[in-house]
Amino acid sequence: CCHHVYKHCRVCCVDGAYTRQILFLSYGLKGEKARAMQYAATDLETEARNDRHFAFHLAECYAVIGEIEKALDLPAYSMELFYPYRFLSANPLLKNICFEDRFLQLMEEGKRKSETFVI
C-alpha cells in the first residue's frame, strides 16, 4: 500500500514535501512509527513554517504516531492567521489530540475568531 502510494507520488510530485508528508502519514496509519519518522525531516517543518496549510497536514502525521506536542504545535502556529476549527475539530486523523486541553482551547479560540472575522 505505502509503496504503491510512494511510486505514484514520485511520478506526480517528484520528491517534494507533500510526497514525504503522505508517506509519513501512510506509515503512521499502518502503525509503523519508526518508518514514518524516516520522512519527518527538518525540511517538512521548514515547509510548514512557510505554508500554514501544510502545517495542518504535518500535524495529522504527528498525531497518528502519538507525537502529541508536535501535533499540537503545528495547528497552533497555523491558526495565528486562519481558523479552520470546524475542519480540525472533526478531523479523524487528529483523534489522538482532540481531547487535549491545548487543542480544545485552540478550537475555542478558532471558533471565536472565525465568528468575528469580517471580509
PDB file of N, CA and C in Angstrom:
ATOM      1  N   CYS A   1       0.832  -1.192   0.000  1.00  0.00           N
ATOM      2  CA  CYS A   1       0.000   0.000   0.000  1.00  0.00           C
ATOM      3  C   CYS A   1       0.878   1.258   0.000  1.00  0.00           C
ATOM      4  N   CYS A   2       1.735   1.396   0.991  1.00  0.00           N
ATOM      5  CA  CYS A   2       2.579   2.588   1.081  1.00  0.00           C
ATOM      6  C   CYS A   2       3.540   2.670  -0.093  1.00  0.00           C
ATOM      7  N   HIS A   3       4.059   1.514  -0.506  1.00  0.00           N
ATOM      8  CA  HIS A   3       4.986   1.504  -1.644  1.00  0.00           C
ATOM      9  C   HIS A   3       4.269   1.983  -2.906  1.00  0.00           C
ATOM     10  N   HIS A   4       3.017   1.551  -3.088  1.00  0.00           N
ATOM     11  CA  HIS A   4       2.231   1.992  -4.238  1.00  0.00           C
ATOM     12  C   HIS A   4       2.009   3.510  -4.179  1.00  0.00           C
ATOM     13  N   VAL A   5       1.675   4.021  -3.006  1.00  0.00           N
ATOM     14  CA  VAL A   5       1.489   5.463  -2.838  1.00  0.00           C
ATOM     15  C   VAL A   5       2.778   6.186  -3.193  1.00  0.00           C
ATOM     16  N   TYR A   6       3.890   5.675  -2.688  1.00  0.00           N
ATOM     17  CA  TYR A   6       5.192   6.293  -2.946  1.00  0.00           C
ATOM     18  C   TYR A   6       5.487   6.338  -4.441  1.00  0.00           C
ATOM     19  N   LYS A   7       5.296   5.215  -5.125  1.00  0.00           N
ATOM     20  CA  LYS A   7       5.569   5.170  -6.560  1.00  0.00           C
ATOM     21  C   LYS A   7       4.696   6.178  -7.300  1.00  0.00           C
ATOM     22  N   HIS A   8       3.421   6.250  -6.945  1.00  0.00           N
ATOM     23  CA  HIS A   8       2.507   7.201  -7.590  1.00  0.00           C
ATOM     24  C   HIS A   8       2.939   8.631  -7.313  1.00  0.00           C
ATOM     25  N   CYS A   9       3.245   8.949  -6.070  1.00  0.00           N
ATOM     26  CA  CYS A   9       3.656  10.304  -5.700  1.00  0.00           C
ATOM     27  C   CYS A   9       4.971  10.687  -6.368  1.00  0.00           C
ATOM     28  N   ARG A  10       5.893   9.755  -6.479  1.00  0.00           N
ATOM     29  CA  ARG A  10       7.187  10.052  -7.106  1.00  0.00           C
ATOM     30  C   ARG A  10       6.985  10.448  -8.566  1.00  0.00           C
ATOM     31  N   VAL A  11       6.034   9.809  -9.239  1.00  0.00           N
ATOM     32  CA  VAL A  11       5.773  10.136 -10.633  1.00  0.00           C
ATOM     33  C   VAL A  11       5.108  11.501 -10.735  1.00  0.00           C
ATOM     34  N   CYS A  12       4.135  11.761  -9.874  1.00  0.00           N
ATOM     35  CA  CYS A  12       3.373  13.011  -9.947  1.00  0.00           C
ATOM     36  C   CYS A  12       4.099  14.200  -9.332  1.00  0.00           C
ATOM     37  N   CYS A  13       4.747  13.986  -8.227  1.00  0.00           N
ATOM     38  CA  CYS A  13       5.228  15.101  -7.410  1.00  0.00           C
ATOM     39  C   CYS A  13       6.727  15.088  -7.200  1.00  0.00           C
ATOM     40  N   VAL A  14       7.431  14.299  -7.953  1.00  0.00           N
ATOM     41  CA  VAL A  14       8.867  14.121  -7.799  1.00  0.00           C
ATOM     42  C   VAL A  14       9.148  13.722  -6.348  1.00  0.00           C
ATOM     43  N   ASP A  15       9.932  14.488  -5.608  1.00  0.00           N
ATOM     44  CA  ASP A  15      10.238  14.129  -4.228  1.00  0.00           C
ATOM     45  C   ASP A  15       9.991  15.327  -3.319  1.00  0.00           C
ATOM     46  N   GLY A  16       8.851  15.929  -3.469  1.00  0.00           N
ATOM     47  CA  GLY A  16       8.525  17.129  -2.732  1.00  0.00           C
ATOM     48  C   GLY A  16       8.040  16.872  -1.326  1.00  0.00           C
ATOM     49  N   ALA A  17       7.775  17.957  -0.636  1.00  0.00           N
ATOM     50  CA  ALA A  17       7.332  17.891   0.754  1.00  0.00           C
ATOM     51  C   ALA A  17       6.019  17.129   0.892  1.00  0.00           C
ATOM     52  N   TYR A  18       5.090  17.332  -0.037  1.00  0.00           N
ATOM     53  CA  TYR A  18       3.807  16.636   0.070  1.00  0.00           C
ATOM     54  C   TYR A  18       3.961  15.133  -0.145  1.00  0.00           C
ATOM     55  N   THR A  19       4.900  14.743  -0.990  1.00  0.00           N
ATOM     56  CA  THR A  19       5.162  13.319  -1.187  1.00  0.00           C
ATOM     57  C   THR A  19       5.657  12.692   0.114  1.00  0.00           C
ATOM     58  N   ARG A  20       6.618  13.338   0.757  1.00  0.00           N
ATOM     59  CA  ARG A  20       7.149  12.808   2.019  1.00  0.00           C
ATOM     60  C   ARG A  20       6.113  12.871   3.127  1.00  0.00           C
ATOM     61  N   GLN A  21       5.274  13.904   3.110  1.00  0.00           N
ATOM     62  CA  GLN A  21       4.223  14.012   4.127  1.00  0.00           C
ATOM     63  C   GLN A  21       3.218  12.867   3.989  1.00  0.00           C
ATOM     64  N   ILE A  22       2.821  12.541   2.782  1.00  0.00           N
ATOM     65  CA  ILE A  22       1.826  11.477   2.598  1.00  0.00           C
ATOM     66  C   ILE A  22       2.436  10.119   2.964  1.00  0.00           C
ATOM     67  N   LEU A  23       3.722   9.945   2.731  1.00  0.00           N
ATOM     68  CA  LEU A  23       4.378   8.702   3.138  1.00  0.00           C
ATOM     69  C   LEU A  23       4.489   8.638   4.665  1.00  0.00           C
ATOM     70  N   PHE A  24       4.817   9.737   5.282  1.00  0.00           N
ATOM     71  CA  PHE A  24       4.849   9.835   6.739  1.00  0.00           C
ATOM     72  C   PHE A  24       3.489   9.410   7.287  1.00  0.00           C
ATOM     73  N   LEU A  25       2.424   9.987   6.741  1.00  0.00           N
ATOM     74  CA  LEU A  25       1.072   9.659   7.193  1.00  0.00           C
ATOM     75  C   LEU A  25       0.719   8.200   6.914  1.00  0.00           C
ATOM     76  N   SER A  26       1.049   7.714   5.735  1.00  0.00           N
ATOM     77  CA  SER A  26       0.717   6.328   5.365  1.00  0.00           C
ATOM     78  C   SER A  26       1.344   5.325   6.322  1.00  0.00           C
ATOM     79  N   TYR A  27       2.617   5.483   6.595  1.00  0.00           N
ATOM     80  CA  TYR A  27       3.274   4.552   7.518  1.00  0.00           C
ATOM     81  C   TYR A  27       2.770   4.737   8.946  1.00  0.00           C
ATOM     82  N   GLY A  28       2.477   5.968   9.323  1.00  0.00           N
ATOM     83  CA  GLY A  28       1.917   6.210  10.648  1.00  0.00           C
ATOM     84  C   GLY A  28       0.581   5.523  10.835  1.00  0.00           C
ATOM     85  N   LEU A  29      -0.267   5.587   9.823  1.00  0.00           N
ATOM     86  CA  LEU A  29      -1.574   4.928   9.898  1.00  0.00           C
ATOM     87  C   LEU A  29      -1.452   3.409   9.967  1.00  0.00           C
ATOM     88  N   LYS A  30      -0.380   2.879   9.409  1.00  0.00           N
ATOM     89  CA  LYS A  30      -0.150   1.438   9.481  1.00  0.00           C
ATOM     90  C   LYS A  30       0.481   1.032  10.812  1.00  0.00           C
ATOM     91  N   GLY A  31       0.783   2.008  11.673  1.00  0.00           N
ATOM     92  CA  GLY A  31       1.400   1.706  12.959  1.00  0.00           C
ATOM     93  C   GLY A  31       2.902   1.531  12.884  1.00  0.00           C
ATOM     94  N   GLU A  32       3.505   1.918  11.789  1.00  0.00           N
ATOM     95  CA  GLU A  32       4.950   1.784  11.601  1.00  0.00           C
ATOM     96  C   GLU A  32       5.638   3.108  11.932  1.00  0.00           C
ATOM     97  N   LYS A  33       5.678   3.441  13.219  1.00  0.00           N
ATOM     98  CA  LYS A  33       6.192   4.741  13.657  1.00  0.00           C
ATOM     99  C   LYS A  33       7.632   4.973  13.210  1.00  0.00           C
ATOM    100  N   ALA A  34       8.499   3.994  13.403  1.00  0.00           N
ATOM    101  CA  ALA A  34       9.904   4.174  13.027  1.00  0.00           C
ATOM    102  C   ALA A  34      10.041   4.487  11.539  1.00  0.00           C
ATOM    103  N   ARG A  35       9.294   3.768  10.739  1.00  0.00           N
ATOM    104  CA  ARG A  35       9.357   4.003   9.292  1.00  0.00           C
ATOM    105  C   ARG A  35       8.753   5.357   8.934  1.00  0.00           C
ATOM    106  N   ALA A  36       7.658   5.717   9.600  1.00  0.00           N
ATOM    107  CA  ALA A  36       7.043   7.025   9.370  1.00  0.00           C
ATOM    108  C   ALA A  36       8.011   8.148   9.698  1.00  0.00           C
ATOM    109  N   MET A  37       8.741   7.984  10.793  1.00  0.00           N
ATOM    110  CA  MET A  37       9.667   9.026  11.236  1.00  0.00           C
ATOM    111  C   MET A  37      10.830   9.232  10.264  1.00  0.00           C
ATOM    112  N   GLN A  38      11.065   8.278   9.387  1.00  0.00           N
ATOM    113  CA  GLN A  38      12.097   8.458   8.364  1.00  0.00           C
ATOM    114  C   GLN A  38      11.753   9.628   7.434  1.00  0.00           C
ATOM    115  N   TYR A  39      10.469   9.945   7.355  1.00  0.00           N
ATOM    116  CA  TYR A  39      10.019  11.032   6.488  1.00  0.00           C
ATOM    117  C   TYR A  39       9.828  12.345   7.242  1.00  0.00           C
ATOM    118  N   ALA A  40      10.090  12.341   8.540  1.00  0.00           N
ATOM    119  CA  ALA A  40       9.910  13.534   9.377  1.00  0.00           C
ATOM    120  C   ALA A  40      11.173  14.380   9.352  1.00  0.00           C
ATOM    121  N   ALA A  41      11.582  14.762   8.188  1.00  0.00           N
ATOM    122  CA  ALA A  41      12.814  15.539   8.023  1.00  0.00           C
ATOM    123  C   ALA A  41      12.576  17.008   8.352  1.00  0.00           C
ATOM    124  N   THR A  42      13.648  17.693   8.651  1.00  0.00           N
ATOM    125  CA  THR A  42      13.539  19.109   9.001  1.00  0.00           C
ATOM    126  C   THR A  42      12.969  19.941   7.866  1.00  0.00           C
ATOM    127  N   ASP A  43      13.147  19.491   6.621  1.00  0.00           N
ATOM    128  CA  ASP A  43      12.587  20.279   5.521  1.00  0.00           C
ATOM    129  C   ASP A  43      11.064  20.276   5.537  1.00  0.00           C
ATOM    130  N   LEU A  44      10.446  19.261   6.143  1.00  0.00           N
ATOM    131  CA  LEU A  44       8.987  19.278   6.276  1.00  0.00           C
ATOM    132  C   LEU A  44       8.558  20.365   7.256  1.00  0.00           C
ATOM    133  N   GLU A  45       9.308  20.528   8.324  1.00  0.00           N
ATOM    134  CA  GLU A  45       8.983  21.586   9.280  1.00  0.00           C
ATOM    135  C   GLU A  45       9.257  22.965   8.678  1.00  0.00           C
ATOM    136  N   THR A  46      10.277  23.060   7.846  1.00  0.00           N
ATOM    137  CA  THR A  46      10.530  24.314   7.137  1.00  0.00           C
ATOM    138  C   THR A  46       9.366  24.625   6.212  1.00  0.00           C
ATOM    139  N   GLU A  47       8.901  23.619   5.501  1.00  0.00           N
ATOM    140  CA  GLU A  47       7.742  23.788   4.615  1.00  0.00           C
ATOM    141  C   GLU A  47       6.521  24.233   5.417  1.00  0.00           C
ATOM    142  N   ALA A  48       6.328  23.647   6.595  1.00  0.00           N
ATOM    143  CA  ALA A  48       5.193  24.007   7.448  1.00  0.00           C
ATOM    144  C   ALA A  48       5.287  25.461   7.908  1.00  0.00           C
ATOM    145  N   ARG A  49       6.491  25.933   8.187  1.00  0.00           N
ATOM    146  CA  ARG A  49       6.651  27.335   8.589  1.00  0.00           C
ATOM    147  C   ARG A  49       6.312  28.283   7.444  1.00  0.00           C
ATOM    148  N   ASN A  50       6.545  27.837   6.214  1.00  0.00           N
ATOM    149  CA  ASN A  50       6.277  28.672   5.038  1.00  0.00           C
ATOM    150  C   ASN A  50       4.880  28.478   4.452  1.00  0.00           C
ATOM    151  N   ASP A  51       4.226  27.406   4.827  1.00  0.00           N
ATOM    152  CA  ASP A  51       2.908  27.078   4.280  1.00  0.00           C
ATOM    153  C   ASP A  51       2.031  26.592   5.436  1.00  0.00           C
ATOM    154  N   ARG A  52       1.221  27.468   5.971  1.00  0.00           N
ATOM    155  CA  ARG A  52       0.431  27.132   7.163  1.00  0.00           C
ATOM    156  C   ARG A  52      -0.609  26.057   6.883  1.00  0.00           C
ATOM    157  N   HIS A  53      -1.039  25.933   5.644  1.00  0.00           N
ATOM    158  CA  HIS A  53      -1.939  24.829   5.297  1.00  0.00           C
ATOM    159  C   HIS A  53      -1.199  23.493   5.400  1.00  0.00           C
ATOM    160  N   PHE A  54       0.018  23.455   4.911  1.00  0.00           N
ATOM    161  CA  PHE A  54       0.830  22.240   5.011  1.00  0.00           C
ATOM    162  C   PHE A  54       1.041  21.866   6.476  1.00  0.00           C
ATOM    163  N   ALA A  55       1.136  22.861   7.344  1.00  0.00           N
ATOM    164  CA  ALA A  55       1.332  22.596   8.772  1.00  0.00           C
ATOM    165  C   ALA A  55       0.196  21.740   9.335  1.00  0.00           C
ATOM    166  N   PHE A  56      -1.039  21.957   8.871  1.00  0.00           N
ATOM    167  CA  PHE A  56      -2.151  21.113   9.320  1.00  0.00           C
ATOM    168  C   PHE A  56      -1.918  19.655   8.938  1.00  0.00           C
ATOM    169  N   HIS A  57      -1.471  19.446   7.722  1.00  0.00           N
ATOM    170  CA  HIS A  57      -1.233  18.073   7.264  1.00  0.00           C
ATOM    171  C   HIS A  57      -0.085  17.420   8.032  1.00  0.00           C
ATOM    172  N   LEU A  58       0.926  18.177   8.326  1.00  0.00           N
ATOM    173  CA  LEU A  58       2.029  17.631   9.110  1.00  0.00           C
ATOM    174  C   LEU A  58       1.567  17.314  10.534  1.00  0.00           C
ATOM    175  N   ALA A  59       0.675  18.123  11.078  1.00  0.00           N
ATOM    176  CA  ALA A  59       0.101  17.848  12.403  1.00  0.00           C
ATOM    177  C   ALA A  59      -0.624  16.499  12.407  1.00  0.00           C
ATOM    178  N   GLU A  60      -1.325  16.192  11.332  1.00  0.00           N
ATOM    179  CA  GLU A  60      -2.004  14.894  11.228  1.00  0.00           C
ATOM    180  C   GLU A  60      -0.995  13.755  11.352  1.00  0.00           C
ATOM    181  N   CYS A  61       0.137  13.914  10.695  1.00  0.00           N
ATOM    182  CA  CYS A  61       1.177  12.874  10.734  1.00  0.00           C
ATOM    183  C   CYS A  61       1.655  12.643  12.158  1.00  0.00           C
ATOM    184  N   TYR A  62       1.984  13.722  12.838  1.00  0.00           N
ATOM    185  CA  TYR A  62       2.474  13.583  14.210  1.00  0.00           C
ATOM    186  C   TYR A  62       1.384  13.047  15.141  1.00  0.00           C
ATOM    187  N   ALA A  63       0.144  13.434  14.899  1.00  0.00           N
ATOM    188  CA  ALA A  63      -0.947  12.945  15.747  1.00  0.00           C
ATOM    189  C   ALA A  63      -1.125  11.437  15.617  1.00  0.00           C
ATOM    190  N   VAL A  64      -1.079  10.915  14.388  1.00  0.00           N
ATOM    191  CA  VAL A  64      -1.325   9.475  14.225  1.00  0.00           C
ATOM    192  C   VAL A  64      -0.211   8.615  14.818  1.00  0.00           C
ATOM    193  N   ILE A  65       0.990   9.183  14.991  1.00  0.00           N
ATOM    194  CA  ILE A  65       2.067   8.388  15.603  1.00  0.00           C
ATOM    195  C   ILE A  65       2.224   8.702  17.091  1.00  0.00           C
ATOM    196  N   GLY A  66       1.336   9.559  17.618  1.00  0.00           N
ATOM    197  CA  GLY A  66       1.336   9.821  19.053  1.00  0.00           C
ATOM    198  C   GLY A  66       2.326  10.874  19.519  1.00  0.00           C
ATOM    199  N   GLU A  67       2.861  11.671  18.615  1.00  0.00           N
ATOM    200  CA  GLU A  67       3.766  12.762  18.981  1.00  0.00           C
ATOM    201  C   GLU A  67       2.898  13.995  19.280  1.00  0.00           C
ATOM    202  N   ILE A  68       2.326  14.002  20.478  1.00  0.00           N
ATOM    203  CA  ILE A  68       1.284  14.952  20.852  1.00  0.00           C
ATOM    204  C   ILE A  68       1.747  16.410  20.788  1.00  0.00           C
ATOM    205  N   GLU A  69       2.876  16.727  21.384  1.00  0.00           N
ATOM    206  CA  GLU A  69       3.324  18.129  21.418  1.00  0.00           C
ATOM    207  C   GLU A  69       3.545  18.694  20.021  1.00  0.00           C
ATOM    208  N   LYS A  70       4.211  17.935  19.169  1.00  0.00           N
ATOM    209  CA  LYS A  70       4.416  18.402  17.792  1.00  0.00           C
ATOM    210  C   LYS A  70       3.081  18.528  17.068  1.00  0.00           C
ATOM    211  N   ALA A  71       2.196  17.570  17.315  1.00  0.00           N
ATOM    212  CA  ALA A  71       0.877  17.606  16.681  1.00  0.00           C
ATOM    213  C   ALA A  71       0.074  18.827  17.123  1.00  0.00           C
ATOM    214  N   LEU A  72       0.292  19.300  18.337  1.00  0.00           N
ATOM    215  CA  LEU A  72      -0.409  20.488  18.830  1.00  0.00           C
ATOM    216  C   LEU A  72       0.272  21.786  18.403  1.00  0.00           C
ATOM    217  N   ASP A  73       1.579  21.781  18.304  1.00  0.00           N
ATOM    218  CA  ASP A  73       2.306  22.992  17.936  1.00  0.00           C
ATOM    219  C   ASP A  73       1.945  23.471  16.518  1.00  0.00           C
ATOM    220  N   LEU A  74       1.791  22.553  15.607  1.00  0.00           N
ATOM    221  CA  LEU A  74       1.582  22.923  14.205  1.00  0.00           C
ATOM    222  C   LEU A  74       0.241  23.619  13.951  1.00  0.00           C
ATOM    223  N   PRO A  75      -0.898  23.110  14.439  1.00  0.00           N
ATOM    224  CA  PRO A  75      -2.139  23.867  14.213  1.00  0.00           C
ATOM    225  C   PRO A  75      -2.170  25.188  14.986  1.00  0.00           C
ATOM    226  N   ALA A  76      -1.511  25.224  16.136  1.00  0.00           N
ATOM    227  CA  ALA A  76      -1.456  26.485  16.886  1.00  0.00           C
ATOM    228  C   ALA A  76      -0.753  27.547  16.046  1.00  0.00           C
ATOM    229  N   TYR A  77       0.321  27.162  15.397  1.00  0.00           N
ATOM    230  CA  TYR A  77       1.049  28.085  14.521  1.00  0.00           C
ATOM    231  C   TYR A  77       0.171  28.500  13.335  1.00  0.00           C
ATOM    232  N   SER A  78      -0.463  27.547  12.712  1.00  0.00           N
ATOM    233  CA  SER A  78      -1.293  27.827  11.543  1.00  0.00           C
ATOM    234  C   SER A  78      -2.447  28.760  11.868  1.00  0.00           C
ATOM    235  N   MET A  79      -3.042  28.541  13.027  1.00  0.00           N
ATOM    236  CA  MET A  79      -4.245  29.295  13.361  1.00  0.00           C
ATOM    237  C   MET A  79      -3.954  30.713  13.846  1.00  0.00           C
ATOM    238  N   GLU A  80      -2.714  31.123  13.765  1.00  0.00           N
ATOM    239  CA  GLU A  80      -2.412  32.531  14.012  1.00  0.00           C
ATOM    240  C   GLU A  80      -2.971  33.392  12.881  1.00  0.00           C
ATOM    241  N   LEU A  81      -3.156  32.795  11.696  1.00  0.00           N
ATOM    242  CA  LEU A  81      -3.619  33.554  10.534  1.00  0.00           C
ATOM    243  C   LEU A  81      -4.999  33.163  10.018  1.00  0.00           C
ATOM    244  N   PHE A  82      -5.368  31.913  10.129  1.00  0.00           N
ATOM    245  CA  PHE A  82      -6.696  31.496   9.682  1.00  0.00           C
ATOM    246  C   PHE A  82      -7.220  30.416  10.620  1.00  0.00           C
ATOM    247  N   TYR A  83      -8.530  30.176  10.573  1.00  0.00           N
ATOM    248  CA  TYR A  83      -9.186  29.472  11.674  1.00  0.00           C
ATOM    249  C   TYR A  83     -10.117  28.345  11.215  1.00  0.00           C
ATOM    250  N   PRO A  84      -9.606  27.326  10.582  1.00  0.00           N
ATOM    251  CA  PRO A  84     -10.471  26.224  10.141  1.00  0.00           C
ATOM    252  C   PRO A  84     -10.798  25.248  11.286  1.00  0.00           C
ATOM    253  N   TYR A  85     -11.323  25.796  12.371  1.00  0.00           N
ATOM    254  CA  TYR A  85     -11.577  24.965  13.548  1.00  0.00           C
ATOM    255  C   TYR A  85     -12.586  23.863  13.264  1.00  0.00           C
ATOM    256  N   ARG A  86     -13.536  24.091  12.376  1.00  0.00           N
ATOM    257  CA  ARG A  86     -14.519  23.030  12.068  1.00  0.00           C
ATOM    258  C   ARG A  86     -13.827  21.825  11.428  1.00  0.00           C
ATOM    259  N   PHE A  87     -12.932  22.097  10.507  1.00  0.00           N
ATOM    260  CA  PHE A  87     -12.178  21.024   9.859  1.00  0.00           C
ATOM    261  C   PHE A  87     -11.322  20.285  10.884  1.00  0.00           C
ATOM    262  N   LEU A  88     -10.620  21.026  11.709  1.00  0.00           N
ATOM    263  CA  LEU A  88      -9.720  20.406  12.683  1.00  0.00           C
ATOM    264  C   LEU A  88     -10.472  19.617  13.737  1.00  0.00           C
ATOM    265  N   SER A  89     -11.554  20.176  14.234  1.00  0.00           N
ATOM    266  CA  SER A  89     -12.271  19.507  15.327  1.00  0.00           C
ATOM    267  C   SER A  89     -12.970  18.234  14.856  1.00  0.00           C
ATOM    268  N   ALA A  90     -13.219  18.107  13.561  1.00  0.00           N
ATOM    269  CA  ALA A  90     -13.886  16.913  13.036  1.00  0.00           C
ATOM    270  C   ALA A  90     -12.926  15.968  12.312  1.00  0.00           C
ATOM    271  N   ASN A  91     -11.656  16.281  12.308  1.00  0.00           N
ATOM    272  CA  ASN A  91     -10.669  15.508  11.547  1.00  0.00           C
ATOM    273  C   ASN A  91     -10.304  14.230  12.298  1.00  0.00           C
ATOM    274  N   PRO A  92     -10.649  13.058  11.763  1.00  0.00           N
ATOM    275  CA  PRO A  92     -10.354  11.803  12.464  1.00  0.00           C
ATOM    276  C   PRO A  92      -8.857  11.526  12.616  1.00  0.00           C
ATOM    277  N   LEU A  93      -8.029  12.147  11.811  1.00  0.00           N
ATOM    278  CA  LEU A  93      -6.584  11.945  11.928  1.00  0.00           C
ATOM    279  C   LEU A  93      -6.013  12.640  13.166  1.00  0.00           C
ATOM    280  N   LEU A  94      -6.785  13.525  13.754  1.00  0.00           N
ATOM    281  CA  LEU A  94      -6.337  14.239  14.949  1.00  0.00           C
ATOM    282  C   LEU A  94      -6.954  13.677  16.226  1.00  0.00           C
ATOM    283  N   LYS A  95      -7.514  12.469  16.143  1.00  0.00           N
ATOM    284  CA  LYS A  95      -8.198  11.903  17.308  1.00  0.00           C
ATOM    285  C   LYS A  95      -7.277  11.749  18.521  1.00  0.00           C
ATOM    286  N   ASN A  96      -5.982  11.593  18.318  1.00  0.00           N
ATOM    287  CA  ASN A  96      -5.053  11.450  19.441  1.00  0.00           C
ATOM    288  C   ASN A  96      -4.839  12.745  20.205  1.00  0.00           C
ATOM    289  N   ILE A  97      -5.260  13.866  19.633  1.00  0.00           N
ATOM    290  CA  ILE A  97      -5.064  15.139  20.330  1.00  0.00           C
ATOM    291  C   ILE A  97      -6.369  15.874  20.606  1.00  0.00           C
ATOM    292  N   CYS A  98      -7.494  15.379  20.119  1.00  0.00           N
ATOM    293  CA  CYS A  98      -8.740  16.155  20.174  1.00  0.00           C
ATOM    294  C   CYS A  98      -9.279  16.379  21.584  1.00  0.00           C
ATOM    295  N   PHE A  99      -8.808  15.638  22.578  1.00  0.00           N
ATOM    296  CA  PHE A  99      -9.261  15.858  23.950  1.00  0.00           C
ATOM    297  C   PHE A  99      -8.197  16.522  24.817  1.00  0.00           C
ATOM    298  N   GLU A 100      -7.093  16.902  24.207  1.00  0.00           N
ATOM    299  CA  GLU A 100      -6.050  17.627  24.931  1.00  0.00           C
ATOM    300  C   GLU A 100      -6.549  19.040  25.233  1.00  0.00           C
ATOM    301  N   ASP A 101      -6.269  19.528  26.435  1.00  0.00           N
ATOM    302  CA  ASP A 101      -6.706  20.875  26.811  1.00  0.00           C
ATOM    303  C   ASP A 101      -6.238  21.923  25.813  1.00  0.00           C
ATOM    304  N   ARG A 102      -5.016  21.807  25.402  1.00  0.00           N
ATOM    305  CA  ARG A 102      -4.460  22.769  24.449  1.00  0.00           C
ATOM    306  C   ARG A 102      -5.231  22.782  23.134  1.00  0.00           C
ATOM    307  N   PHE A 103      -5.608  21.611  22.662  1.00  0.00           N
ATOM    308  CA  PHE A 103      -6.372  21.510  21.420  1.00  0.00           C
ATOM    309  C   PHE A 103      -7.760  22.115  21.599  1.00  0.00           C
ATOM    310  N   LEU A 104      -8.420  21.795  22.696  1.00  0.00           N
ATOM    311  CA  LEU A 104      -9.761  22.322  22.953  1.00  0.00           C
ATOM    312  C   LEU A 104      -9.741  23.846  23.056  1.00  0.00           C
ATOM    313  N   GLN A 105      -8.730  24.387  23.701  1.00  0.00           N
ATOM    314  CA  GLN A 105      -8.593  25.848  23.786  1.00  0.00           C
ATOM    315  C   GLN A 105      -8.362  26.458  22.414  1.00  0.00           C
ATOM    316  N   LEU A 106      -7.562  25.785  21.610  1.00  0.00           N
ATOM    317  CA  LEU A 106      -7.295  26.254  20.256  1.00  0.00           C
ATOM    318  C   LEU A 106      -8.575  26.260  19.425  1.00  0.00           C
ATOM    319  N   MET A 107      -9.408  25.248  19.570  1.00  0.00           N
ATOM    320  CA  MET A 107     -10.664  25.190  18.830  1.00  0.00           C
ATOM    321  C   MET A 107     -11.612  26.303  19.278  1.00  0.00           C
ATOM    322  N   GLU A 108     -11.659  26.570  20.572  1.00  0.00           N
ATOM    323  CA  GLU A 108     -12.496  27.661  21.076  1.00  0.00           C
ATOM    324  C   GLU A 108     -12.023  29.006  20.528  1.00  0.00           C
ATOM    325  N   GLU A 109     -10.731  29.207  20.554  1.00  0.00           N
ATOM    326  CA  GLU A 109     -10.165  30.447  20.025  1.00  0.00           C
ATOM    327  C   GLU A 109     -10.449  30.573  18.527  1.00  0.00           C
ATOM    328  N   GLY A 110     -10.287  29.478  17.793  1.00  0.00           N
ATOM    329  CA  GLY A 110     -10.573  29.480  16.358  1.00  0.00           C
ATOM    330  C   GLY A 110     -12.030  29.782  16.066  1.00  0.00           C
ATOM    331  N   LYS A 111     -12.907  29.210  16.860  1.00  0.00           N
ATOM    332  CA  LYS A 111     -14.340  29.466  16.683  1.00  0.00           C
ATOM    333  C   LYS A 111     -14.653  30.938  16.925  1.00  0.00           C
ATOM    334  N   ARG A 112     -14.111  31.484  17.998  1.00  0.00           N
ATOM    335  CA  ARG A 112     -14.344  32.883  18.329  1.00  0.00           C
ATOM    336  C   ARG A 112     -13.817  33.799  17.229  1.00  0.00           C
ATOM    337  N   LYS A 113     -12.603  33.556  16.781  1.00  0.00           N
ATOM    338  CA  LYS A 113     -12.006  34.392  15.728  1.00  0.00           C
ATOM    339  C   LYS A 113     -12.765  34.256  14.412  1.00  0.00           C
ATOM    340  N   SER A 114     -13.199  33.045  14.104  1.00  0.00           N
ATOM    341  CA  SER A 114     -13.936  32.805  12.868  1.00  0.00           C
ATOM    342  C   SER A 114     -15.266  33.540  12.875  1.00  0.00           C
ATOM    343  N   GLU A 115     -15.946  33.527  14.013  1.00  0.00           N
ATOM    344  CA  GLU A 115     -17.256  34.169  14.116  1.00  0.00           C
ATOM    345  C   GLU A 115     -17.162  35.687  14.053  1.00  0.00           C
ATOM    346  N   THR A 116     -16.017  36.248  14.392  1.00  0.00           N
ATOM    347  CA  THR A 116     -15.855  37.699  14.371  1.00  0.00           C
ATOM    348  C   THR A 116     -15.084  38.187  13.152  1.00  0.00           C
ATOM    349  N   PHE A 117     -14.693  37.267  12.278  1.00  0.00           N
ATOM    350  CA  PHE A 117     -13.931  37.626  11.088  1.00  0.00           C
ATOM    351  C   PHE A 117     -14.819  38.377  10.107  1.00  0.00           C
ATOM    352  N   VAL A 118     -14.325  39.493   9.624  1.00  0.00           N
ATOM    353  CA  VAL A 118     -15.081  40.318   8.678  1.00  0.00           C
ATOM    354  C   VAL A 118     -14.320  40.358   7.355  1.00  0.00           C
ATOM    355  N   ILE A 119     -15.069  40.142   6.282  1.00  0.00           N
ATOM    356  CA  ILE A 119     -14.474  40.173   4.935  1.00  0.00           C
ATOM    357  C   ILE A 119     -14.652  41.569   4.370  1.00  0.00           C
TER     358      ILE A 119
END
